[in-house]
Each structure stands twice: as structure tokens, then as C-alpha cells.
Amino acid sequence: MSKVKKLIGDVELTKDLSLLLIIGGLYSLSVALSNTFVNIYLWKQSGEFKDLGLYNLSIVVLQPLTFIVAGRWAKKVDRVIVLRIGVMFLAAFYLTVLAIGTDASKFILLLGALLGVGYGFYWLAFNVLTFEITEPENRDFFNGFLGILSSIGGMIGPIAAGFIISRMEKFTGYSIIFGVSLGLFSLAVFLSFFIKRRPANGKYWFKRIIAERKLNRNWRLITNAHFFQGLREGTFAFIISVFVFISTGSELALGTFGLVNSGISFITYYSVSRLLKKDQRKKAILIGGIILYASIFLIIFNLTYPKLLLYAGMIAIAYPLLLVPYISMTYDVIGKGWKAAEMRIEYIVVREIFLNAGRIVSILSFLGVVIFLNEERGIPILLLCLGIGHLIIYFFIRKVHLQST
């Protein structure tokens, strides 16, 4: 026990906190194994940036719509059940991919819809459970340690998947990896039965929490920041993996990219979660945003695989610096908001709507470029425009002031 304490610091690990971390870790490993390669799987079948854009657009459109429904269900039924439904939809996505095989590119909207619905239910429940199970004193630890688990998954997943896929004929390796992801999501469903049931009651005040932006300056600033977070994430979430594959033609090279990124992320998440103090949060967000924007200049001119690996290293330092304090500040703002205990679900839903609104604008912009403009010239300019999103976060966050209680 003393060794565990030395590793995690002075944090009490409750049963529900531990289970939520394990479920989050399983989710991260499954996503690391498969999600990057789903885009490559579709790219190899279609070869069209437009199809990738439509697939990812269907995800980010269905996700916020599902959040609204999932929020109502979580208020009327139980957050743990909503989490379970989300994981089941994610499992259904992989079952569908396995069933349709090499015809997957013909069903991009269906696949994206399944993933979007799964993400919506999963992340609504996971975020609400995070808010309920953690306290302000251990949120940086939770977010940091979840980042560590994500990084471990990111180290194991892509390189293992890349190795398996590159050693198999045609699409056989993809089927194996998607099958493993299905198994991991099934295990997450099983573990969710051990989390204490968390029923809710009361009216679903979704529209009231949107209106709260006019009354609560901190809430307005946080939601605006989330829109700009989504502005970068929408396109960057899938285009970088395609760049790696185009520049190398190798799934193993893509796995190596993921290994480098997650290996450095692992160290950075651990350091940030242990060392970052509350009064350093805003400075860390600014530094992370600057590094993230600077990294784009590596990939818009004379794209090469070594440059992509350097890019992987830079964002692996930047994201933990930005996300650990940013997520913690978001929950702190919600925690001090109007009727936070009663309306925590509504706050999470509204936050996700702004995040996904940014993603939708991002992918629509991407589709506009690849359909109406020259891809080779248009995409680099687009990335410079969208990539500033995480840096803009700071200019909202710096105005957030949380009163001590």
C-alpha cells in the first residue's frame, strides 16, 4: 500500500474512483487499438478525403444530439446505466465493421452514427460520474492519472495494431484488431456493474443551463473555450493519421507514431498530475496552447515522416500541460455554478454541445476545402486556421476567476 501511495501521492483511492479509472483505461486502450486505424481502413477502401470528412461529421453531429437525450435519461434513470448503453453502442460499432468488412466505405454514415451515439452516451455518463466521484482536491490527480492510462493504451495499442495489420494479408489484421476492441468494450460493460448505482431525480433543465451563460460569466467563458477546443479537434482528430499513412504507406509506421506520442504523453501526464499547482493552471494552459500551434508548422510544409514524429513529441508535451488544468478548471466552474449539485448533468450536456459545435464547424470547413478547393494548397491553410483553437482557449480561461469557499 505504501508503494501505491508513493506512486499516486496523497490521494484516497475509493472503489468507484478506481473502477472509473479502469473503465476509462479500457476505453482508451480500445480506442488506441482501433480508432486511428478505422480512418485508414476507410481511406484504403475509398481514397477520398471527402468520405473521411463525412464519416467524422456524422460522428460529431450525432454525438451532441445523443448528449441531450442521454442527459434526460441520466436524470430520469441512472448514470451507470447510461454509461453501459454507451459502451454497448461502441461495441455495436465494431460488430458492424466486422460484419460489413470491405464494404465499410459504403456505410460511412451508418458507422459514424453508431460511433457518435456511443460516444454521446459514454462521455455524458463518464463526465457526470467524474464530477460526482471526484472532489476539487483530487481532480488534477484523476485527470492526470486517466491521462497516464490513456498514454499506456496509446503506447501499446497503435504499435501492436500496426504490427498485426502489417503482417496480415489485405484486411485480415483489421478484423483481428476490431475484434479485440469489441472484447475490451465488453469487459468495460462487465466492470460497470460494480460501480455504485447513482439514480437522479428532478426536472431536466437543459435550456435553463444554456441561459445561465448570460448570468454566469465563468460559465460563458468556459463554454466559449470549449467551442474553440472543438475547432481544432474536429479535423486534427483524423487528418494527422492519414498524413502519416500517406507519407509512409505503412500501418506499422502509424503505430510507431502512436508509440512516440503516447510514450512522451505518459511522462508528461504523470509529471503534470503530480507537480502542477492550482495557481499555475492558467500559465500551463497558455504554454500548452503555444506549443500546439507551433507544432502545426512542422506538418504544413514538405511533409516527411521524421517531421511527423517530431510533431507527435511536441503535442505529447502540450496536451497534458493544457488538458489537465483545463478539465479541472471546467469542473470547478461547474461545481460553483447555479444549483451545481442538482444540475450537474445539464452543465455537462451544454459543455459538450459547445465542444461538438466547434468540431462540426471544423469538419464542415474541411469538407468545403476538399470539395471546392485544391486539396494540396487548401488543407495546409485550413490547418493553420483551425489549429489556433487551443491557443484561443487561454484568452477565455485567463478571465475565469473562482472564489475560494
Protein backbone atom coordinates (compact mmCIF):
# COMPACT_ATOMS: atom_id res chain seq x y z
CA MET A 1 0.00 0.00 0.00
CA SER A 2 2.86 2.39 0.81
CA LYS A 3 4.30 1.81 -2.67
CA VAL A 4 0.94 2.69 -4.21
CA LYS A 5 0.78 5.85 -2.09
CA LYS A 6 4.27 6.79 -3.21
CA LEU A 7 3.24 6.34 -6.85
CA ILE A 8 -0.06 8.26 -6.77
CA GLY A 9 0.64 10.72 -3.98
CA ASP A 10 -1.62 11.60 -1.05
CA VAL A 11 -4.89 10.62 -2.74
CA GLU A 12 -7.58 8.31 -1.39
CA LEU A 13 -8.48 5.66 -3.96
CA THR A 14 -12.13 4.73 -3.42
CA LYS A 15 -13.71 1.72 -5.11
CA ASP A 16 -15.76 3.82 -7.55
CA LEU A 17 -12.80 6.08 -8.36
CA SER A 18 -10.65 3.03 -9.14
CA LEU A 19 -13.36 1.38 -11.26
CA LEU A 20 -13.95 4.58 -13.23
CA LEU A 21 -10.21 4.84 -13.92
CA ILE A 22 -10.08 1.19 -15.07
CA ILE A 23 -13.11 1.64 -17.37
CA GLY A 24 -11.55 4.82 -18.75
CA GLY A 25 -8.30 2.91 -19.30
CA LEU A 26 -10.07 0.08 -21.16
CA TYR A 27 -11.86 2.63 -23.32
CA SER A 28 -8.56 4.36 -24.09
CA LEU A 29 -6.83 1.07 -24.99
CA SER A 30 -9.66 0.05 -27.30
CA VAL A 31 -9.70 3.45 -28.99
CA ALA A 32 -5.89 3.40 -29.30
CA LEU A 33 -6.04 -0.05 -30.91
CA SER A 34 -8.74 0.72 -33.42
CA ASN A 35 -9.94 4.27 -33.91
CA THR A 36 -6.88 5.56 -35.72
CA PHE A 37 -6.96 2.55 -37.99
CA VAL A 38 -10.69 2.88 -38.74
CA ASN A 39 -9.89 6.07 -40.66
CA ILE A 40 -7.07 4.29 -42.52
CA TYR A 41 -9.36 1.29 -43.15
CA LEU A 42 -11.87 3.62 -44.80
CA TRP A 43 -9.13 5.57 -46.60
CA LYS A 44 -7.72 2.39 -48.14
CA GLN A 45 -11.18 1.45 -49.41
CA SER A 46 -12.21 4.90 -50.62
CA GLY A 47 -9.12 7.08 -51.10
CA GLU A 48 -11.29 10.20 -50.76
CA PHE A 49 -10.78 12.93 -48.14
CA LYS A 50 -14.47 13.78 -48.65
CA ASP A 51 -15.56 10.35 -47.38
CA LEU A 52 -13.37 10.68 -44.28
CA GLY A 53 -14.88 14.11 -43.65
CA LEU A 54 -18.45 12.79 -43.97
CA TYR A 55 -17.68 9.84 -41.66
CA ASN A 56 -16.26 12.12 -38.97
CA LEU A 57 -19.00 14.70 -39.49
CA SER A 58 -21.68 12.08 -38.81
CA ILE A 59 -19.89 11.27 -35.54
CA VAL A 60 -19.77 14.87 -34.27
CA VAL A 61 -23.35 15.64 -35.35
CA LEU A 62 -24.86 12.58 -33.62
CA GLN A 63 -22.72 13.00 -30.52
CA PRO A 64 -24.25 16.26 -29.17
CA LEU A 65 -27.76 15.16 -30.14
CA THR A 66 -27.19 11.96 -28.15
CA PHE A 67 -25.82 14.00 -25.24
CA ILE A 68 -29.14 15.83 -24.98
CA VAL A 69 -31.09 12.54 -24.91
CA ALA A 70 -28.56 10.83 -22.63
CA GLY A 71 -28.76 13.75 -20.21
CA ARG A 72 -32.51 13.31 -19.90
CA TRP A 73 -32.11 9.55 -19.37
CA ALA A 74 -29.38 10.08 -16.79
CA LYS A 75 -31.72 12.43 -14.93
CA LYS A 76 -34.62 10.00 -15.04
CA VAL A 77 -32.85 6.63 -14.77
CA ASP A 78 -29.20 6.18 -13.73
CA ARG A 79 -25.79 7.43 -14.88
CA VAL A 80 -24.20 3.99 -14.69
CA ILE A 81 -26.88 2.54 -16.98
CA VAL A 82 -26.26 5.38 -19.46
CA LEU A 83 -22.53 4.55 -19.37
CA ARG A 84 -23.38 0.92 -20.10
CA ILE A 85 -25.60 1.89 -23.07
CA GLY A 86 -22.75 3.96 -24.49
CA VAL A 87 -20.27 1.11 -24.30
CA MET A 88 -22.83 -1.22 -25.89
CA PHE A 89 -23.23 1.13 -28.87
CA LEU A 90 -19.45 1.31 -29.23
CA ALA A 91 -19.35 -2.48 -29.21
CA ALA A 92 -22.13 -2.50 -31.84
CA PHE A 93 -19.95 -0.24 -34.00
CA TYR A 94 -17.15 -2.81 -34.05
CA LEU A 95 -19.60 -5.65 -34.64
CA THR A 96 -20.94 -3.76 -37.66
CA VAL A 97 -17.44 -3.07 -39.02
CA LEU A 98 -16.61 -6.75 -38.70
CA ALA A 99 -19.89 -7.76 -40.37
CA ILE A 100 -19.62 -5.49 -43.44
CA GLY A 101 -15.86 -5.90 -43.85
CA THR A 102 -14.50 -4.45 -47.10
CA ASP A 103 -17.83 -2.73 -47.84
CA ALA A 104 -17.32 -0.39 -44.88
CA SER A 105 -16.72 2.66 -47.10
CA LYS A 106 -20.27 2.24 -48.45
CA PHE A 107 -21.74 2.63 -44.96
CA ILE A 108 -19.70 5.57 -43.64
CA LEU A 109 -22.73 7.49 -42.35
CA LEU A 110 -24.12 4.46 -40.51
CA LEU A 111 -20.74 3.71 -38.93
CA GLY A 112 -20.25 7.32 -37.94
CA ALA A 113 -23.75 7.47 -36.47
CA LEU A 114 -23.16 4.35 -34.33
CA LEU A 115 -19.88 5.79 -33.04
CA GLY A 116 -21.43 9.21 -32.40
CA VAL A 117 -24.31 7.72 -30.40
CA GLY A 118 -21.87 5.52 -28.45
CA TYR A 119 -19.60 8.47 -27.68
CA GLY A 120 -22.59 10.57 -26.63
CA PHE A 121 -23.91 8.09 -24.07
CA TYR A 122 -20.44 7.08 -22.87
CA TRP A 123 -18.97 10.55 -22.40
CA LEU A 124 -22.10 12.03 -20.84
CA ALA A 125 -22.11 9.32 -18.19
CA PHE A 126 -18.32 9.26 -17.75
CA ASN A 127 -18.10 13.03 -17.32
CA VAL A 128 -21.00 13.18 -14.87
CA LEU A 129 -19.56 10.27 -12.87
CA THR A 130 -16.18 12.03 -12.86
CA PHE A 131 -17.84 15.15 -11.46
CA GLU A 132 -19.66 13.12 -8.77
CA ILE A 133 -16.88 10.73 -7.77
CA THR A 134 -14.02 13.25 -7.69
CA GLU A 135 -13.54 16.30 -5.49
CA PRO A 136 -11.66 19.56 -6.24
CA GLU A 137 -8.74 18.16 -4.20
CA ASN A 138 -8.27 15.04 -6.34
CA ARG A 139 -9.46 16.17 -9.80
CA ASP A 140 -6.00 17.02 -11.07
CA PHE A 141 -4.87 13.56 -9.91
CA PHE A 142 -7.83 11.84 -11.58
CA ASN A 143 -7.45 13.70 -14.88
CA GLY A 144 -3.69 13.22 -14.81
CA PHE A 145 -3.86 9.51 -13.96
CA LEU A 146 -6.55 8.95 -16.58
CA GLY A 147 -4.16 10.61 -18.99
CA ILE A 148 -1.44 8.19 -17.88
CA LEU A 149 -3.73 5.22 -18.56
CA SER A 150 -4.63 6.73 -21.94
CA SER A 151 -0.94 7.09 -22.70
CA ILE A 152 -0.22 3.47 -21.74
CA GLY A 153 -3.05 2.39 -24.04
CA GLY A 154 -1.66 4.70 -26.68
CA MET A 155 1.78 3.09 -26.38
CA ILE A 156 0.53 -0.50 -26.52
CA GLY A 157 -2.42 -0.10 -28.90
CA PRO A 158 -1.14 1.54 -32.10
CA ILE A 159 2.19 -0.28 -32.31
CA ALA A 160 0.56 -3.67 -31.59
CA ALA A 161 -2.23 -2.96 -34.08
CA GLY A 162 0.20 -1.66 -36.68
CA PHE A 163 2.40 -4.74 -36.31
CA ILE A 164 -0.52 -7.16 -36.59
CA ILE A 165 -2.11 -5.37 -39.56
CA SER A 166 1.18 -5.08 -41.45
CA ARG A 167 1.86 -8.82 -41.02
CA MET A 168 -1.55 -9.95 -42.27
CA GLU A 169 -2.89 -10.17 -45.81
CA LYS A 170 -5.29 -7.50 -47.06
CA PHE A 171 -7.80 -6.61 -44.30
CA THR A 172 -7.39 -9.65 -42.01
CA GLY A 173 -5.35 -7.73 -39.43
CA TYR A 174 -8.01 -5.05 -39.23
CA SER A 175 -10.64 -7.68 -38.40
CA ILE A 176 -8.48 -9.04 -35.57
CA ILE A 177 -7.92 -5.58 -34.07
CA PHE A 178 -11.58 -4.62 -34.30
CA GLY A 179 -12.45 -7.93 -32.62
CA VAL A 180 -10.06 -7.21 -29.73
CA SER A 181 -11.64 -3.76 -29.29
CA LEU A 182 -15.04 -5.41 -29.12
CA GLY A 183 -13.76 -7.64 -26.31
CA LEU A 184 -12.35 -4.69 -24.35
CA PHE A 185 -15.65 -2.82 -24.52
CA SER A 186 -17.44 -5.97 -23.34
CA LEU A 187 -15.12 -6.09 -20.30
CA ALA A 188 -15.88 -2.41 -19.59
CA VAL A 189 -19.61 -3.21 -19.57
CA PHE A 190 -18.98 -6.03 -17.07
CA LEU A 191 -16.95 -3.79 -14.73
CA SER A 192 -19.64 -1.10 -14.82
CA PHE A 193 -21.91 -3.45 -12.82
CA PHE A 194 -19.61 -2.96 -9.81
CA ILE A 195 -19.96 0.84 -9.70
CA LYS A 196 -22.48 2.04 -7.15
CA ARG A 197 -25.82 2.90 -8.80
CA ARG A 198 -26.35 6.65 -8.98
CA PRO A 199 -30.02 7.43 -9.66
CA ALA A 200 -31.08 11.04 -10.16
CA ASN A 201 -34.34 12.87 -9.85
CA GLY A 202 -35.76 16.25 -10.66
CA LYS A 203 -36.62 18.13 -13.83
CA TYR A 204 -34.27 18.26 -16.82
CA TRP A 205 -33.34 21.97 -17.00
CA PHE A 206 -31.25 21.78 -20.20
CA LYS A 207 -32.44 25.11 -21.69
CA ARG A 208 -32.04 26.87 -18.32
CA ILE A 209 -28.34 25.96 -18.19
CA ILE A 210 -27.83 27.34 -21.70
CA ALA A 211 -29.46 30.57 -20.50
CA GLU A 212 -27.13 30.51 -17.46
CA ARG A 213 -24.35 31.68 -19.79
CA LYS A 214 -25.94 35.17 -19.66
CA LEU A 215 -25.88 35.18 -15.86
CA ASN A 216 -22.61 33.39 -15.05
CA ARG A 217 -19.50 34.93 -16.62
CA ASN A 218 -17.25 31.98 -15.78
CA TRP A 219 -19.71 29.56 -17.40
CA ARG A 220 -19.91 31.68 -20.54
CA LEU A 221 -16.11 31.83 -20.78
CA ILE A 222 -15.71 28.06 -20.29
CA THR A 223 -18.30 27.17 -22.91
CA ASN A 224 -16.74 29.60 -25.41
CA ALA A 225 -13.36 28.00 -24.74
CA HIS A 226 -14.83 24.57 -25.47
CA PHE A 227 -16.08 25.74 -28.87
CA PHE A 228 -12.54 26.71 -29.85
CA GLN A 229 -11.19 23.44 -28.43
CA GLY A 230 -13.53 21.62 -30.80
CA LEU A 231 -12.47 23.84 -33.71
CA ARG A 232 -9.04 22.21 -33.71
CA GLU A 233 -10.08 18.74 -32.62
CA GLY A 234 -12.70 18.18 -35.33
CA THR A 235 -10.26 17.96 -38.24
CA PHE A 236 -6.98 17.18 -36.46
CA ALA A 237 -8.55 14.08 -34.87
CA PHE A 238 -8.39 12.22 -38.18
CA ILE A 239 -6.21 14.11 -40.68
CA ILE A 240 -2.88 13.52 -38.94
CA SER A 241 -3.16 9.72 -39.05
CA VAL A 242 -3.97 9.94 -42.76
CA PHE A 243 -0.91 12.16 -43.29
CA VAL A 244 1.27 9.55 -41.58
CA PHE A 245 -0.15 6.75 -43.72
CA ILE A 246 0.14 8.76 -46.96
CA SER A 247 3.76 9.69 -46.24
CA THR A 248 4.81 6.11 -45.37
CA GLY A 249 2.18 3.72 -46.78
CA SER A 250 2.66 1.66 -43.62
CA GLU A 251 0.34 0.85 -40.71
CA LEU A 252 3.41 -0.05 -38.65
CA ALA A 253 4.76 3.48 -39.18
CA LEU A 254 1.42 4.81 -37.91
CA GLY A 255 1.77 2.53 -34.88
CA THR A 256 5.26 3.90 -34.25
CA PHE A 257 3.87 7.44 -34.44
CA GLY A 258 1.33 6.49 -31.75
CA LEU A 259 4.04 4.88 -29.61
CA VAL A 260 6.23 8.00 -29.68
CA ASN A 261 3.27 10.26 -28.94
CA SER A 262 1.91 8.18 -26.07
CA GLY A 263 5.32 7.39 -24.55
CA ILE A 264 6.07 11.09 -24.13
CA SER A 265 2.46 11.78 -23.06
CA PHE A 266 2.83 9.17 -20.31
CA ILE A 267 5.77 11.02 -18.77
CA THR A 268 4.15 14.43 -19.19
CA TYR A 269 0.77 13.42 -17.76
CA TYR A 270 2.46 11.86 -14.73
CA SER A 271 4.60 14.96 -14.16
CA VAL A 272 1.73 17.40 -14.60
CA SER A 273 -0.64 15.44 -12.37
CA ARG A 274 1.95 15.30 -9.58
CA LEU A 275 3.66 18.69 -9.87
CA LEU A 276 1.18 21.24 -11.25
CA LYS A 277 -0.23 23.58 -8.60
CA LYS A 278 -3.59 25.32 -8.80
CA ASP A 279 -2.02 28.77 -9.17
CA GLN A 280 -0.05 27.53 -12.21
CA ARG A 281 -3.05 26.27 -14.18
CA LYS A 282 -3.55 29.27 -16.47
CA LYS A 283 0.15 29.53 -17.29
CA ALA A 284 0.26 25.81 -18.15
CA ILE A 285 -2.76 26.22 -20.47
CA LEU A 286 -1.04 29.12 -22.28
CA ILE A 287 2.23 27.21 -22.71
CA GLY A 288 0.36 24.13 -23.94
CA GLY A 289 -1.62 26.21 -26.45
CA ILE A 290 1.51 27.90 -27.82
CA ILE A 291 3.31 24.57 -28.31
CA LEU A 292 0.25 23.05 -30.01
CA TYR A 293 0.02 25.89 -32.51
CA ALA A 294 3.77 25.95 -33.16
CA SER A 295 3.71 22.21 -33.90
CA ILE A 296 1.47 22.77 -36.95
CA PHE A 297 4.33 24.44 -38.86
CA LEU A 298 6.11 21.08 -38.90
CA ILE A 299 3.38 19.41 -40.97
CA ILE A 300 2.22 22.01 -43.49
CA PHE A 301 5.46 22.38 -45.47
CA ASN A 302 7.42 19.50 -47.07
CA LEU A 303 5.72 16.78 -45.03
CA THR A 304 8.05 13.93 -44.03
CA TYR A 305 7.80 11.07 -41.54
CA PRO A 306 10.61 12.42 -39.26
CA LYS A 307 8.73 15.73 -39.06
CA LEU A 308 5.56 13.88 -38.15
CA LEU A 309 7.40 12.06 -35.34
CA LEU A 310 8.68 15.39 -34.03
CA TYR A 311 5.11 16.69 -34.23
CA ALA A 312 3.97 13.65 -32.19
CA GLY A 313 6.51 14.53 -29.49
CA MET A 314 5.53 18.20 -29.34
CA ILE A 315 1.79 17.58 -28.96
CA ALA A 316 2.53 14.87 -26.38
CA ILE A 317 4.08 17.56 -24.18
CA ALA A 318 1.48 20.20 -24.98
CA TYR A 319 -1.78 18.30 -24.49
CA PRO A 320 -1.17 17.21 -20.87
CA LEU A 321 0.02 20.73 -19.98
CA LEU A 322 -3.20 22.15 -21.37
CA LEU A 323 -5.83 19.48 -20.70
CA VAL A 324 -5.14 18.52 -17.07
CA PRO A 325 -5.62 22.05 -15.65
CA TYR A 326 -8.26 22.95 -18.27
CA ILE A 327 -10.53 19.98 -17.46
CA SER A 328 -10.09 20.56 -13.73
CA MET A 329 -10.98 24.26 -14.08
CA THR A 330 -14.04 23.31 -16.12
CA TYR A 331 -15.33 21.03 -13.35
CA ASP A 332 -14.54 23.68 -10.73
CA VAL A 333 -16.56 26.27 -12.67
CA ILE A 334 -19.47 23.83 -12.92
CA GLY A 335 -19.11 22.97 -9.23
CA LYS A 336 -19.56 26.62 -8.28
CA GLY A 337 -22.36 27.24 -10.77
CA TRP A 338 -26.08 27.78 -10.10
CA LYS A 339 -27.58 24.67 -8.46
CA ALA A 340 -24.50 22.66 -9.47
CA ALA A 341 -25.39 19.58 -7.45
CA GLU A 342 -28.88 19.39 -8.95
CA MET A 343 -27.96 20.50 -12.47
CA ARG A 344 -24.57 18.78 -12.96
CA ILE A 345 -25.92 16.66 -15.84
CA GLU A 346 -27.27 19.70 -17.68
CA TYR A 347 -23.92 21.50 -17.28
CA ILE A 348 -22.08 18.56 -18.83
CA VAL A 349 -24.55 18.38 -21.74
CA VAL A 350 -24.24 22.08 -22.55
CA ARG A 351 -20.45 21.93 -22.36
CA GLU A 352 -20.41 19.04 -24.84
CA ILE A 353 -22.77 20.87 -27.20
CA PHE A 354 -20.29 23.76 -27.46
CA LEU A 355 -17.35 21.38 -27.87
CA ASN A 356 -19.07 19.47 -30.67
CA ALA A 357 -20.32 22.68 -32.30
CA GLY A 358 -16.66 23.57 -32.73
CA ARG A 359 -15.94 20.14 -34.19
CA ILE A 360 -18.85 20.44 -36.63
CA VAL A 361 -17.63 23.85 -37.88
CA SER A 362 -14.14 22.37 -38.20
CA ILE A 363 -15.18 19.38 -40.32
CA LEU A 364 -17.61 21.41 -42.44
CA SER A 365 -14.69 23.75 -43.19
CA PHE A 366 -12.57 20.72 -44.11
CA LEU A 367 -15.27 19.39 -46.43
CA GLY A 368 -15.61 22.81 -48.04
CA VAL A 369 -11.87 22.88 -48.77
CA VAL A 370 -11.62 19.34 -50.22
CA ILE A 371 -14.79 19.67 -52.31
CA PHE A 372 -14.40 23.20 -53.68
CA LEU A 373 -10.67 23.98 -53.48
CA ASN A 374 -7.34 22.40 -54.31
CA GLU A 375 -6.58 19.85 -51.54
CA GLU A 376 -2.82 20.28 -51.68
CA ARG A 377 -2.97 24.05 -51.15
CA GLY A 378 -6.19 24.31 -49.19
CA ILE A 379 -5.60 21.78 -46.40
CA PRO A 380 -2.37 23.40 -45.03
CA ILE A 381 -4.06 26.82 -44.89
CA LEU A 382 -7.09 25.27 -43.21
CA LEU A 383 -4.91 23.59 -40.57
CA LEU A 384 -3.26 26.92 -39.75
CA CYS A 385 -6.69 28.48 -39.26
CA LEU A 386 -8.26 25.67 -37.25
CA GLY A 387 -5.12 24.83 -35.29
CA ILE A 388 -5.18 28.07 -33.33
CA GLY A 389 -8.23 26.81 -31.41
CA HIS A 390 -6.35 25.51 -28.37
CA LEU A 391 -4.31 28.71 -28.09
CA ILE A 392 -7.51 30.81 -28.09
CA ILE A 393 -8.69 28.76 -25.07
CA TYR A 394 -6.24 30.69 -22.88
CA PHE A 395 -7.78 34.08 -23.69
CA PHE A 396 -11.08 32.88 -22.23
CA ILE A 397 -9.59 30.90 -19.34
CA ARG A 398 -7.43 33.77 -18.09
CA LYS A 399 -10.60 35.75 -17.31
CA VAL A 400 -12.11 32.93 -15.22
CA HIS A 401 -11.98 33.73 -11.50
CA LEU A 402 -13.05 31.14 -8.94
CA GLN A 403 -13.81 32.39 -5.46
CA SER A 404 -12.44 30.23 -2.65
CA THR A 405 -15.04 28.81 -0.32
